[in-house]
Amino acid sequence: MTLVLAGVRLGSRGAVALSRVAIALLAGQSGATDPSTHAGVTLDLVVVGLRAAYIPARRATRIDPRVALRHE
């Protein structure tokens, strides 16, 4: 999750920095500096990061430690 949060932080800064380009591309649909848009995208990325970390962690907890150590 540290990498996810670092990526979200850097991505948010980049999104704010490139907002002028986004405003030109959106052509009046929704503002590039709209807080709800940034919050929604950030929330989506955090959820995806949590799921990406949770699924392998859950699978790893099902393995017997003795079996895992034998294969090493």
Protein backbone atom coordinates (compact mmCIF):
# COMPACT_ATOMS: atom_id res chain seq x y z
CA MET A 1 0.00 0.00 0.00
CA THR A 2 3.00 2.30 0.41
CA LEU A 3 3.59 2.18 -3.32
CA VAL A 4 -0.10 2.76 -4.03
CA LEU A 5 -0.20 5.84 -1.80
CA ALA A 6 3.03 7.18 -3.28
CA GLY A 7 1.62 6.69 -6.77
CA VAL A 8 -1.62 8.42 -5.85
CA ARG A 9 0.28 11.34 -4.36
CA LEU A 10 2.51 11.75 -7.42
CA GLY A 11 -0.39 11.22 -9.79
CA SER A 12 -2.51 13.85 -8.06
CA ARG A 13 0.29 16.37 -8.29
CA GLY A 14 0.78 15.55 -11.97
CA ALA A 15 -2.95 15.84 -12.63
CA VAL A 16 -3.08 19.29 -11.09
CA ALA A 17 0.02 20.33 -13.04
CA LEU A 18 -1.47 19.15 -16.34
CA SER A 19 -4.93 20.56 -15.71
CA ARG A 20 -4.58 23.18 -18.44
CA VAL A 21 -4.14 20.47 -21.06
CA ALA A 22 -7.09 18.56 -19.65
CA ILE A 23 -9.30 21.65 -19.73
CA ALA A 24 -8.52 22.09 -23.42
CA LEU A 25 -9.32 18.43 -24.14
CA LEU A 26 -12.53 18.27 -22.11
CA ALA A 27 -14.06 21.24 -23.92
CA GLY A 28 -16.54 22.20 -21.22
CA GLN A 29 -17.66 18.73 -20.09
CA SER A 30 -16.29 18.64 -16.55
CA GLY A 31 -13.55 20.77 -15.14
CA ALA A 32 -10.08 19.30 -14.90
CA THR A 33 -9.67 20.89 -11.50
CA ASP A 34 -13.03 19.57 -10.28
CA PRO A 35 -12.41 18.15 -6.77
CA SER A 36 -15.02 15.41 -7.16
CA THR A 37 -13.28 14.14 -10.30
CA HIS A 38 -9.91 13.99 -8.55
CA ALA A 39 -11.43 12.34 -5.48
CA GLY A 40 -13.26 9.76 -7.57
CA VAL A 41 -10.18 8.80 -9.56
CA THR A 42 -8.07 8.67 -6.39
CA LEU A 43 -10.63 6.44 -4.68
CA ASP A 44 -10.75 4.13 -7.71
CA LEU A 45 -6.97 3.80 -7.75
CA VAL A 46 -6.80 3.07 -4.03
CA VAL A 47 -9.49 0.39 -4.35
CA VAL A 48 -7.65 -1.24 -7.25
CA GLY A 49 -4.39 -1.13 -5.26
CA LEU A 50 -6.05 -2.70 -2.22
CA ARG A 51 -7.53 -5.50 -4.30
CA ALA A 52 -4.21 -6.09 -6.05
CA ALA A 53 -2.47 -6.44 -2.68
CA TYR A 54 -5.23 -8.36 -0.90
CA ILE A 55 -5.72 -11.21 -3.36
CA PRO A 56 -2.10 -12.51 -3.33
CA ALA A 57 -1.85 -11.93 0.43
CA ARG A 58 -4.97 -13.99 1.04
CA ARG A 59 -3.61 -16.76 -1.17
CA ALA A 60 -0.28 -16.71 0.67
CA THR A 61 -1.98 -17.11 4.05
CA ARG A 62 -3.58 -20.36 2.93
CA ILE A 63 -0.22 -22.06 2.39
CA ASP A 64 1.18 -24.13 5.25
CA PRO A 65 4.49 -22.52 6.34
CA ARG A 66 6.22 -25.91 6.60
CA VAL A 67 5.36 -26.72 3.00
CA ALA A 68 6.56 -23.32 1.81
CA LEU A 69 9.86 -23.70 3.67
CA ARG A 70 10.44 -27.18 2.23
CA HIS A 71 10.23 -25.84 -1.31
CA GLU A 72 12.79 -23.11 -0.65
